[in-house]
Amino acid sequence: MPGGDLGEWPHIKDIFQKIAAKSNGEPCCDLVGNAGFGHFVKMVRNVIEYGDMHLIDVAYHLLIKLSSSITIK
């Protein structure tokens, strides 16, 4: 998710795309905007990821509490 000077992207594009993860043979890396924009996109992605992790954590703790209160006869 690089961001920066649009004129510099052609000079570093090959390097970034060669080391990036691939999906269906396509690199998961492209210029997302001017300076600072790549950081913003990454920040939004992190918020979504941390929200998902928090939901998993809450669900896990609820299941632990529920399972400890159930008695099997």
PDB file of N, CA and C in Angstrom:
ATOM      1  N   MET A   1       0.816  -1.185   0.000  1.00  0.00           N
ATOM      2  CA  MET A   1       0.000   0.000   0.000  1.00  0.00           C
ATOM      3  C   MET A   1       0.863   1.254   0.000  1.00  0.00           C
ATOM      4  N   PRO A   2       1.799   1.347  -0.923  1.00  0.00           N
ATOM      5  CA  PRO A   2       2.645   2.534  -0.936  1.00  0.00           C
ATOM      6  C   PRO A   2       1.893   3.772  -1.402  1.00  0.00           C
ATOM      7  N   GLY A   3       2.286   4.889  -0.847  1.00  0.00           N
ATOM      8  CA  GLY A   3       1.764   6.177  -1.269  1.00  0.00           C
ATOM      9  C   GLY A   3       2.943   7.118  -1.422  1.00  0.00           C
ATOM     10  N   GLY A   4       2.810   8.123  -2.216  1.00  0.00           N
ATOM     11  CA  GLY A   4       3.904   9.065  -2.375  1.00  0.00           C
ATOM     12  C   GLY A   4       3.832   9.812  -3.682  1.00  0.00           C
ATOM     13  N   ASP A   5       4.962  10.353  -4.075  1.00  0.00           N
ATOM     14  CA  ASP A   5       5.069  11.138  -5.296  1.00  0.00           C
ATOM     15  C   ASP A   5       4.753  10.241  -6.498  1.00  0.00           C
ATOM     16  N   LEU A   6       3.755  10.635  -7.255  1.00  0.00           N
ATOM     17  CA  LEU A   6       3.323   9.827  -8.403  1.00  0.00           C
ATOM     18  C   LEU A   6       4.423   9.668  -9.447  1.00  0.00           C
ATOM     19  N   GLY A   7       5.338  10.616  -9.539  1.00  0.00           N
ATOM     20  CA  GLY A   7       6.425  10.538 -10.508  1.00  0.00           C
ATOM     21  C   GLY A   7       7.497   9.539 -10.119  1.00  0.00           C
ATOM     22  N   GLU A   8       7.589   9.198  -8.843  1.00  0.00           N
ATOM     23  CA  GLU A   8       8.604   8.249  -8.372  1.00  0.00           C
ATOM     24  C   GLU A   8       8.151   6.800  -8.457  1.00  0.00           C
ATOM     25  N   TRP A   9       6.864   6.571  -8.509  1.00  0.00           N
ATOM     26  CA  TRP A   9       6.330   5.205  -8.506  1.00  0.00           C
ATOM     27  C   TRP A   9       6.920   4.323  -9.610  1.00  0.00           C
ATOM     28  N   PRO A  10       7.056   4.799 -10.843  1.00  0.00           N
ATOM     29  CA  PRO A  10       7.622   3.923 -11.884  1.00  0.00           C
ATOM     30  C   PRO A  10       9.036   3.429 -11.559  1.00  0.00           C
ATOM     31  N   HIS A  11       9.790   4.191 -10.766  1.00  0.00           N
ATOM     32  CA  HIS A  11      11.158   3.807 -10.441  1.00  0.00           C
ATOM     33  C   HIS A  11      11.232   2.682  -9.399  1.00  0.00           C
ATOM     34  N   ILE A  12      10.224   2.587  -8.540  1.00  0.00           N
ATOM     35  CA  ILE A  12      10.261   1.584  -7.460  1.00  0.00           C
ATOM     36  C   ILE A  12       9.190   0.504  -7.619  1.00  0.00           C
ATOM     37  N   LYS A  13       8.328   0.668  -8.601  1.00  0.00           N
ATOM     38  CA  LYS A  13       7.202  -0.259  -8.797  1.00  0.00           C
ATOM     39  C   LYS A  13       7.659  -1.707  -8.916  1.00  0.00           C
ATOM     40  N   ASP A  14       8.646  -1.984  -9.760  1.00  0.00           N
ATOM     41  CA  ASP A  14       9.093  -3.366  -9.979  1.00  0.00           C
ATOM     42  C   ASP A  14       9.614  -3.999  -8.692  1.00  0.00           C
ATOM     43  N   ILE A  15      10.373  -3.250  -7.913  1.00  0.00           N
ATOM     44  CA  ILE A  15      10.916  -3.780  -6.653  1.00  0.00           C
ATOM     45  C   ILE A  15       9.790  -4.147  -5.702  1.00  0.00           C
ATOM     46  N   PHE A  16       8.860  -3.223  -5.493  1.00  0.00           N
ATOM     47  CA  PHE A  16       7.760  -3.454  -4.554  1.00  0.00           C
ATOM     48  C   PHE A  16       6.879  -4.614  -5.014  1.00  0.00           C
ATOM     49  N   GLN A  17       6.584  -4.680  -6.297  1.00  0.00           N
ATOM     50  CA  GLN A  17       5.679  -5.720  -6.777  1.00  0.00           C
ATOM     51  C   GLN A  17       6.341  -7.091  -6.828  1.00  0.00           C
ATOM     52  N   LYS A  18       7.675  -7.147  -6.957  1.00  0.00           N
ATOM     53  CA  LYS A  18       8.355  -8.442  -6.938  1.00  0.00           C
ATOM     54  C   LYS A  18       8.355  -9.062  -5.544  1.00  0.00           C
ATOM     55  N   ILE A  19       8.438  -8.230  -4.501  1.00  0.00           N
ATOM     56  CA  ILE A  19       8.495  -8.760  -3.131  1.00  0.00           C
ATOM     57  C   ILE A  19       7.119  -8.868  -2.486  1.00  0.00           C
ATOM     58  N   ALA A  20       6.088  -8.359  -3.155  1.00  0.00           N
ATOM     59  CA  ALA A  20       4.734  -8.377  -2.594  1.00  0.00           C
ATOM     60  C   ALA A  20       4.125  -9.773  -2.693  1.00  0.00           C
ATOM     61  N   ALA A  21       3.133 -10.030  -1.847  1.00  0.00           N
ATOM     62  CA  ALA A  21       2.354 -11.263  -1.941  1.00  0.00           C
ATOM     63  C   ALA A  21       1.638 -11.267  -3.294  1.00  0.00           C
ATOM     64  N   LYS A  22       1.297 -12.452  -3.751  1.00  0.00           N
ATOM     65  CA  LYS A  22       0.624 -12.589  -5.049  1.00  0.00           C
ATOM     66  C   LYS A  22      -0.745 -13.244  -4.853  1.00  0.00           C
ATOM     67  N   SER A  23      -1.699 -12.840  -5.664  1.00  0.00           N
ATOM     68  CA  SER A  23      -3.020 -13.446  -5.695  1.00  0.00           C
ATOM     69  C   SER A  23      -3.382 -13.663  -7.159  1.00  0.00           C
ATOM     70  N   ASN A  24      -3.602 -14.903  -7.536  1.00  0.00           N
ATOM     71  CA  ASN A  24      -3.880 -15.253  -8.936  1.00  0.00           C
ATOM     72  C   ASN A  24      -2.787 -14.726  -9.866  1.00  0.00           C
ATOM     73  N   GLY A  25      -1.544 -14.768  -9.385  1.00  0.00           N
ATOM     74  CA  GLY A  25      -0.415 -14.339 -10.185  1.00  0.00           C
ATOM     75  C   GLY A  25      -0.177 -12.835 -10.218  1.00  0.00           C
ATOM     76  N   GLU A  26      -1.078 -12.058  -9.650  1.00  0.00           N
ATOM     77  CA  GLU A  26      -0.960 -10.594  -9.634  1.00  0.00           C
ATOM     78  C   GLU A  26      -0.412 -10.127  -8.287  1.00  0.00           C
ATOM     79  N   PRO A  27       0.525  -9.163  -8.296  1.00  0.00           N
ATOM     80  CA  PRO A  27       1.061  -8.667  -7.023  1.00  0.00           C
ATOM     81  C   PRO A  27       0.003  -7.894  -6.231  1.00  0.00           C
ATOM     82  N   CYS A  28       0.020  -8.072  -4.931  1.00  0.00           N
ATOM     83  CA  CYS A  28      -0.918  -7.371  -4.041  1.00  0.00           C
ATOM     84  C   CYS A  28      -0.294  -6.050  -3.583  1.00  0.00           C
ATOM     85  N   CYS A  29       0.174  -5.265  -4.519  1.00  0.00           N
ATOM     86  CA  CYS A  29       0.843  -4.002  -4.216  1.00  0.00           C
ATOM     87  C   CYS A  29       0.645  -3.056  -5.386  1.00  0.00           C
ATOM     88  N   ASP A  30       0.149  -1.871  -5.070  1.00  0.00           N
ATOM     89  CA  ASP A  30       0.025  -0.843  -6.100  1.00  0.00           C
ATOM     90  C   ASP A  30      -0.023   0.506  -5.421  1.00  0.00           C
ATOM     91  N   LEU A  31       0.281   1.551  -6.152  1.00  0.00           N
ATOM     92  CA  LEU A  31       0.257   2.904  -5.619  1.00  0.00           C
ATOM     93  C   LEU A  31      -1.175   3.263  -5.252  1.00  0.00           C
ATOM     94  N   VAL A  32      -1.375   3.761  -4.036  1.00  0.00           N
ATOM     95  CA  VAL A  32      -2.732   4.080  -3.589  1.00  0.00           C
ATOM     96  C   VAL A  32      -3.004   5.571  -3.517  1.00  0.00           C
ATOM     97  N   GLY A  33      -2.013   6.411  -3.747  1.00  0.00           N
ATOM     98  CA  GLY A  33      -2.270   7.845  -3.741  1.00  0.00           C
ATOM     99  C   GLY A  33      -1.037   8.639  -3.387  1.00  0.00           C
ATOM    100  N   ASN A  34      -1.256   9.910  -3.139  1.00  0.00           N
ATOM    101  CA  ASN A  34      -0.169  10.819  -2.807  1.00  0.00           C
ATOM    102  C   ASN A  34       0.417  10.525  -1.432  1.00  0.00           C
ATOM    103  N   ALA A  35       1.388  11.331  -1.041  1.00  0.00           N
ATOM    104  CA  ALA A  35       2.098  11.148   0.230  1.00  0.00           C
ATOM    105  C   ALA A  35       1.129  10.995   1.398  1.00  0.00           C
ATOM    106  N   GLY A  36       1.363   9.983   2.219  1.00  0.00           N
ATOM    107  CA  GLY A  36       0.547   9.742   3.399  1.00  0.00           C
ATOM    108  C   GLY A  36      -0.684   8.891   3.147  1.00  0.00           C
ATOM    109  N   PHE A  37      -1.096   8.760   1.923  1.00  0.00           N
ATOM    110  CA  PHE A  37      -2.319   8.018   1.634  1.00  0.00           C
ATOM    111  C   PHE A  37      -2.146   6.526   1.882  1.00  0.00           C
ATOM    112  N   GLY A  38      -0.963   5.983   1.585  1.00  0.00           N
ATOM    113  CA  GLY A  38      -0.710   4.566   1.847  1.00  0.00           C
ATOM    114  C   GLY A  38      -0.824   4.257   3.324  1.00  0.00           C
ATOM    115  N   HIS A  39      -0.336   5.174   4.170  1.00  0.00           N
ATOM    116  CA  HIS A  39      -0.439   4.990   5.617  1.00  0.00           C
ATOM    117  C   HIS A  39      -1.901   4.981   6.048  1.00  0.00           C
ATOM    118  N   PHE A  40      -2.714   5.862   5.463  1.00  0.00           N
ATOM    119  CA  PHE A  40      -4.133   5.925   5.800  1.00  0.00           C
ATOM    120  C   PHE A  40      -4.839   4.621   5.444  1.00  0.00           C
ATOM    121  N   VAL A  41      -4.567   4.093   4.249  1.00  0.00           N
ATOM    122  CA  VAL A  41      -5.192   2.837   3.817  1.00  0.00           C
ATOM    123  C   VAL A  41      -4.785   1.703   4.762  1.00  0.00           C
ATOM    124  N   LYS A  42      -3.503   1.649   5.130  1.00  0.00           N
ATOM    125  CA  LYS A  42      -3.015   0.616   6.047  1.00  0.00           C
ATOM    126  C   LYS A  42      -3.683   0.753   7.407  1.00  0.00           C
ATOM    127  N   MET A  43      -3.878   1.983   7.876  1.00  0.00           N
ATOM    128  CA  MET A  43      -4.509   2.217   9.170  1.00  0.00           C
ATOM    129  C   MET A  43      -5.958   1.710   9.168  1.00  0.00           C
ATOM    130  N   VAL A  44      -6.691   1.979   8.096  1.00  0.00           N
ATOM    131  CA  VAL A  44      -8.078   1.500   7.992  1.00  0.00           C
ATOM    132  C   VAL A  44      -8.101  -0.025   7.980  1.00  0.00           C
ATOM    133  N   ARG A  45      -7.189  -0.643   7.251  1.00  0.00           N
ATOM    134  CA  ARG A  45      -7.108  -2.100   7.207  1.00  0.00           C
ATOM    135  C   ARG A  45      -6.828  -2.671   8.588  1.00  0.00           C
ATOM    136  N   ASN A  46      -5.937  -2.028   9.343  1.00  0.00           N
ATOM    137  CA  ASN A  46      -5.616  -2.496  10.694  1.00  0.00           C
ATOM    138  C   ASN A  46      -6.816  -2.397  11.619  1.00  0.00           C
ATOM    139  N   VAL A  47      -7.604  -1.337  11.493  1.00  0.00           N
ATOM    140  CA  VAL A  47      -8.797  -1.186  12.332  1.00  0.00           C
ATOM    141  C   VAL A  47      -9.751  -2.347  12.095  1.00  0.00           C
ATOM    142  N   ILE A  48      -9.933  -2.721  10.839  1.00  0.00           N
ATOM    143  CA  ILE A  48     -10.814  -3.846  10.512  1.00  0.00           C
ATOM    144  C   ILE A  48     -10.243  -5.141  11.083  1.00  0.00           C
ATOM    145  N   GLU A  49      -8.948  -5.352  10.916  1.00  0.00           N
ATOM    146  CA  GLU A  49      -8.315  -6.575  11.427  1.00  0.00           C
ATOM    147  C   GLU A  49      -8.417  -6.660  12.940  1.00  0.00           C
ATOM    148  N   TYR A  50      -8.114  -5.580  13.647  1.00  0.00           N
ATOM    149  CA  TYR A  50      -8.159  -5.600  15.113  1.00  0.00           C
ATOM    150  C   TYR A  50      -9.594  -5.752  15.612  1.00  0.00           C
ATOM    151  N   GLY A  51     -10.551  -5.196  14.879  1.00  0.00           N
ATOM    152  CA  GLY A  51     -11.962  -5.392  15.227  1.00  0.00           C
ATOM    153  C   GLY A  51     -12.348  -6.859  15.120  1.00  0.00           C
ATOM    154  N   ASP A  52     -11.905  -7.516  14.054  1.00  0.00           N
ATOM    155  CA  ASP A  52     -12.174  -8.951  13.894  1.00  0.00           C
ATOM    156  C   ASP A  52     -11.545  -9.761  15.029  1.00  0.00           C
ATOM    157  N   MET A  53     -10.295  -9.423  15.366  1.00  0.00           N
ATOM    158  CA  MET A  53      -9.624 -10.155  16.451  1.00  0.00           C
ATOM    159  C   MET A  53     -10.338  -9.949  17.778  1.00  0.00           C
ATOM    160  N   HIS A  54     -10.846  -8.747  18.012  1.00  0.00           N
ATOM    161  CA  HIS A  54     -11.568  -8.478  19.257  1.00  0.00           C
ATOM    162  C   HIS A  54     -12.865  -9.291  19.313  1.00  0.00           C
ATOM    163  N   LEU A  55     -13.577  -9.370  18.193  1.00  0.00           N
ATOM    164  CA  LEU A  55     -14.813 -10.168  18.162  1.00  0.00           C
ATOM    165  C   LEU A  55     -14.523 -11.647  18.437  1.00  0.00           C
ATOM    166  N   ILE A  56     -13.448 -12.167  17.891  1.00  0.00           N
ATOM    167  CA  ILE A  56     -13.066 -13.558  18.154  1.00  0.00           C
ATOM    168  C   ILE A  56     -12.752 -13.741  19.627  1.00  0.00           C
ATOM    169  N   ASP A  57     -12.037 -12.793  20.216  1.00  0.00           N
ATOM    170  CA  ASP A  57     -11.682 -12.861  21.635  1.00  0.00           C
ATOM    171  C   ASP A  57     -12.931 -12.852  22.517  1.00  0.00           C
ATOM    172  N   VAL A  58     -13.861 -11.959  22.233  1.00  0.00           N
ATOM    173  CA  VAL A  58     -15.093 -11.873  23.029  1.00  0.00           C
ATOM    174  C   VAL A  58     -15.899 -13.164  22.888  1.00  0.00           C
ATOM    175  N   ALA A  59     -16.023 -13.682  21.669  1.00  0.00           N
ATOM    176  CA  ALA A  59     -16.773 -14.924  21.460  1.00  0.00           C
ATOM    177  C   ALA A  59     -16.120 -16.078  22.208  1.00  0.00           C
ATOM    178  N   TYR A  60     -14.789 -16.147  22.188  1.00  0.00           N
ATOM    179  CA  TYR A  60     -14.061 -17.207  22.893  1.00  0.00           C
ATOM    180  C   TYR A  60     -14.343 -17.144  24.397  1.00  0.00           C
ATOM    181  N   HIS A  61     -14.248 -15.956  24.966  1.00  0.00           N
ATOM    182  CA  HIS A  61     -14.477 -15.819  26.406  1.00  0.00           C
ATOM    183  C   HIS A  61     -15.926 -16.114  26.785  1.00  0.00           C
ATOM    184  N   LEU A  62     -16.870 -15.746  25.926  1.00  0.00           N
ATOM    185  CA  LEU A  62     -18.268 -16.085  26.194  1.00  0.00           C
ATOM    186  C   LEU A  62     -18.467 -17.600  26.177  1.00  0.00           C
ATOM    187  N   LEU A  63     -17.862 -18.280  25.216  1.00  0.00           N
ATOM    188  CA  LEU A  63     -17.989 -19.735  25.152  1.00  0.00           C
ATOM    189  C   LEU A  63     -17.348 -20.404  26.367  1.00  0.00           C
ATOM    190  N   ILE A  64     -16.223 -19.890  26.824  1.00  0.00           N
ATOM    191  CA  ILE A  64     -15.575 -20.441  28.027  1.00  0.00           C
ATOM    192  C   ILE A  64     -16.491 -20.276  29.234  1.00  0.00           C
ATOM    193  N   LYS A  65     -17.066 -19.083  29.407  1.00  0.00           N
ATOM    194  CA  LYS A  65     -17.971 -18.835  30.539  1.00  0.00           C
ATOM    195  C   LYS A  65     -19.199 -19.732  30.466  1.00  0.00           C
ATOM    196  N   LEU A  66     -19.767 -19.863  29.282  1.00  0.00           N
ATOM    197  CA  LEU A  66     -20.952 -20.702  29.124  1.00  0.00           C
ATOM    198  C   LEU A  66     -20.626 -22.171  29.389  1.00  0.00           C
ATOM    199  N   SER A  67     -19.505 -22.637  28.900  1.00  0.00           N
ATOM    200  CA  SER A  67     -19.173 -24.043  29.068  1.00  0.00           C
ATOM    201  C   SER A  67     -18.848 -24.381  30.534  1.00  0.00           C
ATOM    202  N   SER A  68     -18.332 -23.412  31.281  1.00  0.00           N
ATOM    203  CA  SER A  68     -18.039 -23.678  32.687  1.00  0.00           C
ATOM    204  C   SER A  68     -19.297 -23.655  33.559  1.00  0.00           C
ATOM    205  N   SER A  69     -20.376 -23.035  33.065  1.00  0.00           N
ATOM    206  CA  SER A  69     -21.601 -22.977  33.855  1.00  0.00           C
ATOM    207  C   SER A  69     -22.560 -24.112  33.528  1.00  0.00           C
ATOM    208  N   ILE A  70     -22.259 -24.922  32.516  1.00  0.00           N
ATOM    209  CA  ILE A  70     -23.120 -26.045  32.130  1.00  0.00           C
ATOM    210  C   ILE A  70     -22.629 -27.292  32.850  1.00  0.00           C
ATOM    211  N   THR A  71     -23.567 -27.961  33.484  1.00  0.00           N
ATOM    212  CA  THR A  71     -23.213 -29.232  34.137  1.00  0.00           C
ATOM    213  C   THR A  71     -23.881 -30.367  33.370  1.00  0.00           C
ATOM    214  N   ILE A  72     -23.119 -31.402  33.140  1.00  0.00           N
ATOM    215  CA  ILE A  72     -23.624 -32.561  32.408  1.00  0.00           C
ATOM    216  C   ILE A  72     -24.011 -33.632  33.438  1.00  0.00           C
ATOM    217  N   LYS A  73     -25.200 -34.139  33.332  1.00  0.00           N
ATOM    218  CA  LYS A  73     -25.677 -35.155  34.269  1.00  0.00           C
ATOM    219  C   LYS A  73     -25.627 -36.528  33.666  1.00  0.00           C
TER     220      LYS A  73
END
